[in-house]
Amino acid sequence: MVKVFFNNSCNICRAEINHYKKHSDSGVEWIDVTNNEAAQKITSKSYKELLRRMHVIQDGKVIDGAESFLIIWKNIPKYNFLYKIFRIKPLFVLLNIFYEIAAYFLFIKNKHLLNDEKS
């Protein structure tokens, strides 16, 4: 079982994950991290860390960032070709750069959630 921790309150994140959900089977569990203390305990990550990057737990190991996409793609047959392409080191480096830039801007856009948590 793969567990995917994502920010459901982010419109872009939600749309992408909802798309993956349609094509995945019961081998992938989708967990919204928004105000989810259980997700923080399971991953040993802070709320800020969970909002900042997507996380996956596979074989008891917490993996974040672009590598989490590799795991998702590997576990969804329709997207297995992306796993095969982006696991190649130079292409993964490019994916990682793109992911970090996109994740940073999405985090800034959704940073208000950290303030909502304190309310």
N, C-alpha and C. Protein backbone atom coordinates (compact mmCIF):
# COMPACT_ATOMS: atom_id res chain seq x y z
N MET A 1 0.85 -1.19 0.00
CA MET A 1 0.00 0.00 0.00
C MET A 1 0.88 1.24 0.00
N VAL A 2 0.58 2.15 -0.90
CA VAL A 2 1.25 3.44 -0.97
C VAL A 2 0.29 4.48 -0.42
N LYS A 3 0.80 5.35 0.45
CA LYS A 3 -0.01 6.44 0.99
C LYS A 3 0.51 7.75 0.42
N VAL A 4 -0.39 8.53 -0.17
CA VAL A 4 -0.04 9.81 -0.76
C VAL A 4 -0.66 10.91 0.10
N PHE A 5 0.18 11.83 0.57
CA PHE A 5 -0.24 12.95 1.40
C PHE A 5 -0.20 14.21 0.55
N PHE A 6 -1.35 14.84 0.37
CA PHE A 6 -1.45 15.99 -0.52
C PHE A 6 -2.34 17.07 0.09
N ASN A 7 -2.22 18.27 -0.45
CA ASN A 7 -2.96 19.43 0.03
C ASN A 7 -4.25 19.58 -0.78
N ASN A 8 -5.34 19.08 -0.26
CA ASN A 8 -6.63 19.13 -0.95
C ASN A 8 -7.20 20.54 -1.00
N SER A 9 -6.71 21.45 -0.19
CA SER A 9 -7.23 22.82 -0.21
C SER A 9 -6.60 23.64 -1.34
N CYS A 10 -5.57 23.13 -1.97
CA CYS A 10 -4.93 23.77 -3.12
C CYS A 10 -5.67 23.30 -4.37
N ASN A 11 -6.24 24.24 -5.11
CA ASN A 11 -7.05 23.89 -6.28
C ASN A 11 -6.27 23.07 -7.31
N ILE A 12 -5.04 23.47 -7.57
CA ILE A 12 -4.23 22.77 -8.57
C ILE A 12 -3.86 21.38 -8.07
N CYS A 13 -3.45 21.29 -6.81
CA CYS A 13 -3.10 19.99 -6.23
C CYS A 13 -4.30 19.05 -6.25
N ARG A 14 -5.44 19.56 -5.83
CA ARG A 14 -6.66 18.76 -5.77
C ARG A 14 -7.04 18.25 -7.16
N ALA A 15 -6.98 19.12 -8.17
CA ALA A 15 -7.34 18.71 -9.53
C ALA A 15 -6.42 17.59 -10.02
N GLU A 16 -5.14 17.73 -9.78
CA GLU A 16 -4.20 16.71 -10.23
C GLU A 16 -4.42 15.39 -9.49
N ILE A 17 -4.56 15.46 -8.19
CA ILE A 17 -4.76 14.24 -7.40
C ILE A 17 -6.09 13.58 -7.76
N ASN A 18 -7.13 14.36 -7.95
CA ASN A 18 -8.42 13.78 -8.34
C ASN A 18 -8.31 13.04 -9.67
N HIS A 19 -7.49 13.58 -10.56
CA HIS A 19 -7.25 12.90 -11.83
C HIS A 19 -6.56 11.55 -11.59
N TYR A 20 -5.52 11.55 -10.77
CA TYR A 20 -4.82 10.30 -10.47
C TYR A 20 -5.73 9.29 -9.76
N LYS A 21 -6.58 9.79 -8.88
CA LYS A 21 -7.50 8.91 -8.15
C LYS A 21 -8.39 8.11 -9.11
N LYS A 22 -8.82 8.77 -10.19
CA LYS A 22 -9.69 8.11 -11.16
C LYS A 22 -9.01 6.92 -11.82
N HIS A 23 -7.69 6.95 -11.87
CA HIS A 23 -6.95 5.93 -12.60
C HIS A 23 -6.21 4.96 -11.68
N SER A 24 -6.31 5.16 -10.37
CA SER A 24 -5.57 4.30 -9.45
C SER A 24 -6.49 3.22 -8.90
N ASP A 25 -5.88 2.25 -8.26
CA ASP A 25 -6.67 1.18 -7.64
C ASP A 25 -6.55 1.28 -6.13
N SER A 26 -6.96 0.25 -5.45
CA SER A 26 -6.97 0.28 -3.99
C SER A 26 -5.56 0.18 -3.39
N GLY A 27 -4.55 0.06 -4.23
CA GLY A 27 -3.17 0.00 -3.74
C GLY A 27 -2.61 1.37 -3.37
N VAL A 28 -3.38 2.42 -3.65
CA VAL A 28 -2.95 3.78 -3.33
C VAL A 28 -4.00 4.41 -2.42
N GLU A 29 -3.54 4.91 -1.28
CA GLU A 29 -4.44 5.62 -0.35
C GLU A 29 -4.11 7.11 -0.43
N TRP A 30 -5.14 7.92 -0.59
CA TRP A 30 -4.98 9.37 -0.77
C TRP A 30 -5.38 10.06 0.52
N ILE A 31 -4.47 10.85 1.10
CA ILE A 31 -4.71 11.46 2.41
C ILE A 31 -4.52 12.98 2.31
N ASP A 32 -5.59 13.71 2.60
CA ASP A 32 -5.54 15.17 2.62
C ASP A 32 -4.81 15.61 3.89
N VAL A 33 -3.83 16.49 3.74
CA VAL A 33 -3.05 16.94 4.90
C VAL A 33 -3.63 18.19 5.55
N THR A 34 -4.65 18.79 4.94
CA THR A 34 -5.19 20.04 5.44
C THR A 34 -5.74 19.85 6.85
N ASN A 35 -5.11 20.55 7.80
CA ASN A 35 -5.49 20.47 9.21
C ASN A 35 -5.64 19.02 9.70
N ASN A 36 -4.75 18.17 9.26
CA ASN A 36 -4.82 16.75 9.58
C ASN A 36 -3.65 16.37 10.49
N GLU A 37 -3.89 16.40 11.78
CA GLU A 37 -2.83 16.07 12.74
C GLU A 37 -2.38 14.62 12.62
N ALA A 38 -3.28 13.73 12.22
CA ALA A 38 -2.89 12.33 12.05
C ALA A 38 -1.84 12.20 10.95
N ALA A 39 -2.00 12.98 9.88
CA ALA A 39 -1.01 12.95 8.78
C ALA A 39 0.36 13.41 9.29
N GLN A 40 0.35 14.40 10.17
CA GLN A 40 1.61 14.88 10.74
C GLN A 40 2.27 13.79 11.58
N LYS A 41 1.48 13.07 12.34
CA LYS A 41 2.02 12.00 13.18
C LYS A 41 2.54 10.84 12.33
N ILE A 42 1.77 10.45 11.34
CA ILE A 42 2.15 9.32 10.49
C ILE A 42 3.45 9.60 9.74
N THR A 43 3.61 10.82 9.24
CA THR A 43 4.78 11.16 8.43
C THR A 43 5.94 11.73 9.26
N SER A 44 5.67 12.12 10.50
CA SER A 44 6.65 12.83 11.34
C SER A 44 7.08 14.14 10.69
N LYS A 45 6.15 14.77 9.97
CA LYS A 45 6.40 16.05 9.31
C LYS A 45 5.50 17.11 9.93
N SER A 46 5.98 18.35 9.90
CA SER A 46 5.16 19.45 10.39
C SER A 46 4.08 19.78 9.35
N TYR A 47 3.09 20.52 9.81
CA TYR A 47 2.03 20.95 8.90
C TYR A 47 2.63 21.76 7.75
N LYS A 48 3.56 22.63 8.05
CA LYS A 48 4.22 23.44 7.02
C LYS A 48 4.93 22.55 6.01
N GLU A 49 5.64 21.55 6.47
CA GLU A 49 6.35 20.64 5.56
C GLU A 49 5.36 19.88 4.66
N LEU A 50 4.25 19.47 5.23
CA LEU A 50 3.25 18.74 4.45
C LEU A 50 2.58 19.64 3.40
N LEU A 51 2.40 20.91 3.75
CA LEU A 51 1.83 21.85 2.77
C LEU A 51 2.84 22.21 1.69
N ARG A 52 4.10 22.23 2.05
CA ARG A 52 5.16 22.68 1.14
C ARG A 52 5.45 21.68 0.02
N ARG A 53 5.38 20.39 0.33
CA ARG A 53 5.69 19.36 -0.67
C ARG A 53 4.72 18.19 -0.51
N MET A 54 4.51 17.50 -1.61
CA MET A 54 3.74 16.26 -1.54
C MET A 54 4.62 15.18 -0.93
N HIS A 55 4.00 14.31 -0.15
CA HIS A 55 4.71 13.22 0.51
C HIS A 55 4.04 11.89 0.18
N VAL A 56 4.85 10.85 0.17
CA VAL A 56 4.38 9.50 -0.06
C VAL A 56 5.05 8.59 0.96
N ILE A 57 4.31 7.63 1.45
CA ILE A 57 4.92 6.58 2.26
C ILE A 57 4.84 5.29 1.46
N GLN A 58 6.01 4.72 1.23
CA GLN A 58 6.10 3.44 0.54
C GLN A 58 7.07 2.57 1.31
N ASP A 59 6.65 1.36 1.62
CA ASP A 59 7.49 0.42 2.38
C ASP A 59 7.99 1.04 3.68
N GLY A 60 7.13 1.84 4.32
CA GLY A 60 7.47 2.45 5.60
C GLY A 60 8.39 3.66 5.51
N LYS A 61 8.77 4.06 4.32
CA LYS A 61 9.69 5.19 4.13
C LYS A 61 8.91 6.41 3.63
N VAL A 62 9.16 7.57 4.26
CA VAL A 62 8.52 8.82 3.84
C VAL A 62 9.38 9.46 2.76
N ILE A 63 8.77 9.72 1.63
CA ILE A 63 9.45 10.30 0.47
C ILE A 63 8.69 11.56 0.08
N ASP A 64 9.43 12.61 -0.28
CA ASP A 64 8.73 13.85 -0.64
C ASP A 64 9.20 14.38 -1.99
N GLY A 65 8.53 15.44 -2.42
CA GLY A 65 8.93 16.15 -3.62
C GLY A 65 8.69 15.37 -4.90
N ALA A 66 9.56 15.61 -5.87
CA ALA A 66 9.42 15.02 -7.20
C ALA A 66 9.46 13.51 -7.15
N GLU A 67 10.22 12.95 -6.22
CA GLU A 67 10.30 11.50 -6.12
C GLU A 67 8.93 10.89 -5.80
N SER A 68 8.09 11.65 -5.11
CA SER A 68 6.75 11.14 -4.81
C SER A 68 5.94 10.93 -6.09
N PHE A 69 6.17 11.77 -7.09
CA PHE A 69 5.49 11.57 -8.37
C PHE A 69 5.94 10.27 -9.03
N LEU A 70 7.23 9.96 -8.93
CA LEU A 70 7.70 8.70 -9.50
C LEU A 70 6.95 7.52 -8.90
N ILE A 71 6.75 7.56 -7.60
CA ILE A 71 6.05 6.46 -6.92
C ILE A 71 4.59 6.40 -7.36
N ILE A 72 3.94 7.55 -7.45
CA ILE A 72 2.55 7.58 -7.91
C ILE A 72 2.47 7.01 -9.32
N TRP A 73 3.31 7.51 -10.21
CA TRP A 73 3.28 7.05 -11.61
C TRP A 73 3.59 5.57 -11.73
N LYS A 74 4.48 5.08 -10.90
CA LYS A 74 4.84 3.65 -10.94
C LYS A 74 3.64 2.79 -10.52
N ASN A 75 2.78 3.33 -9.66
CA ASN A 75 1.65 2.58 -9.12
C ASN A 75 0.34 2.80 -9.86
N ILE A 76 0.35 3.59 -10.92
CA ILE A 76 -0.84 3.79 -11.75
C ILE A 76 -0.47 3.36 -13.17
N PRO A 77 -0.99 2.22 -13.62
CA PRO A 77 -0.59 1.69 -14.92
C PRO A 77 -0.63 2.70 -16.07
N LYS A 78 -1.66 3.54 -16.10
CA LYS A 78 -1.77 4.53 -17.18
C LYS A 78 -0.58 5.49 -17.21
N TYR A 79 0.05 5.72 -16.07
CA TYR A 79 1.16 6.69 -15.98
C TYR A 79 2.51 6.03 -15.76
N ASN A 80 2.56 4.72 -15.91
CA ASN A 80 3.81 4.01 -15.72
C ASN A 80 4.89 4.47 -16.70
N PHE A 81 4.49 4.91 -17.88
CA PHE A 81 5.45 5.41 -18.86
C PHE A 81 6.19 6.65 -18.34
N LEU A 82 5.50 7.49 -17.55
CA LEU A 82 6.16 8.67 -16.97
C LEU A 82 7.21 8.24 -15.95
N TYR A 83 6.89 7.22 -15.19
CA TYR A 83 7.86 6.68 -14.25
C TYR A 83 9.11 6.22 -15.00
N LYS A 84 8.92 5.49 -16.08
CA LYS A 84 10.05 4.96 -16.85
C LYS A 84 10.90 6.07 -17.45
N ILE A 85 10.26 7.15 -17.86
CA ILE A 85 10.99 8.28 -18.46
C ILE A 85 11.74 9.07 -17.39
N PHE A 86 11.03 9.47 -16.34
CA PHE A 86 11.61 10.40 -15.36
C PHE A 86 12.47 9.75 -14.29
N ARG A 87 12.55 8.43 -14.27
CA ARG A 87 13.50 7.80 -13.35
C ARG A 87 14.92 7.87 -13.90
N ILE A 88 15.05 8.23 -15.19
CA ILE A 88 16.37 8.44 -15.80
C ILE A 88 16.96 9.70 -15.19
N LYS A 89 18.15 9.57 -14.63
CA LYS A 89 18.76 10.62 -13.79
C LYS A 89 18.68 12.04 -14.37
N PRO A 90 19.15 12.30 -15.60
CA PRO A 90 19.09 13.70 -16.09
C PRO A 90 17.65 14.23 -16.19
N LEU A 91 16.72 13.35 -16.55
CA LEU A 91 15.33 13.79 -16.65
C LEU A 91 14.72 13.98 -15.27
N PHE A 92 15.13 13.14 -14.31
CA PHE A 92 14.64 13.33 -12.95
C PHE A 92 15.14 14.67 -12.38
N VAL A 93 16.38 15.03 -12.68
CA VAL A 93 16.91 16.32 -12.21
C VAL A 93 16.05 17.46 -12.75
N LEU A 94 15.66 17.38 -14.01
CA LEU A 94 14.79 18.42 -14.58
C LEU A 94 13.41 18.41 -13.93
N LEU A 95 12.86 17.22 -13.73
CA LEU A 95 11.57 17.11 -13.04
C LEU A 95 11.65 17.71 -11.65
N ASN A 96 12.72 17.42 -10.95
CA ASN A 96 12.89 17.92 -9.59
C ASN A 96 12.96 19.45 -9.57
N ILE A 97 13.70 20.03 -10.50
CA ILE A 97 13.79 21.50 -10.58
C ILE A 97 12.41 22.10 -10.85
N PHE A 98 11.71 21.54 -11.83
CA PHE A 98 10.37 22.03 -12.15
C PHE A 98 9.44 21.88 -10.96
N TYR A 99 9.49 20.72 -10.31
CA TYR A 99 8.63 20.48 -9.16
C TYR A 99 8.89 21.48 -8.05
N GLU A 100 10.16 21.71 -7.72
CA GLU A 100 10.50 22.62 -6.62
C GLU A 100 10.01 24.04 -6.91
N ILE A 101 10.13 24.47 -8.14
CA ILE A 101 9.65 25.82 -8.51
C ILE A 101 8.13 25.88 -8.37
N ALA A 102 7.44 24.90 -8.96
CA ALA A 102 5.98 24.88 -8.90
C ALA A 102 5.49 24.74 -7.46
N ALA A 103 6.12 23.86 -6.69
CA ALA A 103 5.70 23.64 -5.30
C ALA A 103 5.91 24.89 -4.46
N TYR A 104 6.99 25.62 -4.73
CA TYR A 104 7.25 26.85 -3.98
C TYR A 104 6.12 27.87 -4.21
N PHE A 105 5.76 28.07 -5.48
CA PHE A 105 4.72 29.04 -5.76
C PHE A 105 3.35 28.59 -5.26
N LEU A 106 3.07 27.31 -5.32
CA LEU A 106 1.80 26.81 -4.78
C LEU A 106 1.78 26.95 -3.26
N PHE A 107 2.93 26.75 -2.62
CA PHE A 107 3.01 26.93 -1.17
C PHE A 107 2.75 28.39 -0.80
N ILE A 108 3.38 29.31 -1.52
CA ILE A 108 3.17 30.74 -1.26
C ILE A 108 1.68 31.08 -1.43
N LYS A 109 1.07 30.55 -2.48
CA LYS A 109 -0.35 30.80 -2.75
C LYS A 109 -1.23 30.26 -1.62
N ASN A 110 -0.82 29.17 -1.00
CA ASN A 110 -1.63 28.51 0.02
C ASN A 110 -1.10 28.70 1.44
N LYS A 111 -0.14 29.59 1.61
CA LYS A 111 0.48 29.79 2.92
C LYS A 111 -0.51 30.26 3.98
N HIS A 112 -1.61 30.87 3.55
CA HIS A 112 -2.63 31.32 4.50
C HIS A 112 -3.16 30.18 5.35
N LEU A 113 -3.03 28.95 4.87
CA LEU A 113 -3.51 27.80 5.63
C LEU A 113 -2.76 27.66 6.95
N LEU A 114 -1.51 28.10 6.99
CA LEU A 114 -0.75 28.06 8.24
C LEU A 114 -1.34 29.01 9.25
N ASN A 115 -1.81 30.17 8.79
CA ASN A 115 -2.45 31.12 9.70
C ASN A 115 -3.81 30.62 10.14
N ASP A 116 -4.52 29.93 9.22
CA ASP A 116 -5.84 29.38 9.55
C ASP A 116 -5.74 28.34 10.67
N GLU A 117 -4.61 27.62 10.68
CA GLU A 117 -4.41 26.57 11.67
C GLU A 117 -4.34 27.17 13.09
N LYS A 118 -3.77 28.36 13.20
CA LYS A 118 -3.59 29.00 14.50
C LYS A 118 -4.88 29.64 15.02
N SER A 119 -5.83 29.85 14.13
CA SER A 119 -7.09 30.52 14.52
C SER A 119 -7.96 29.63 15.37
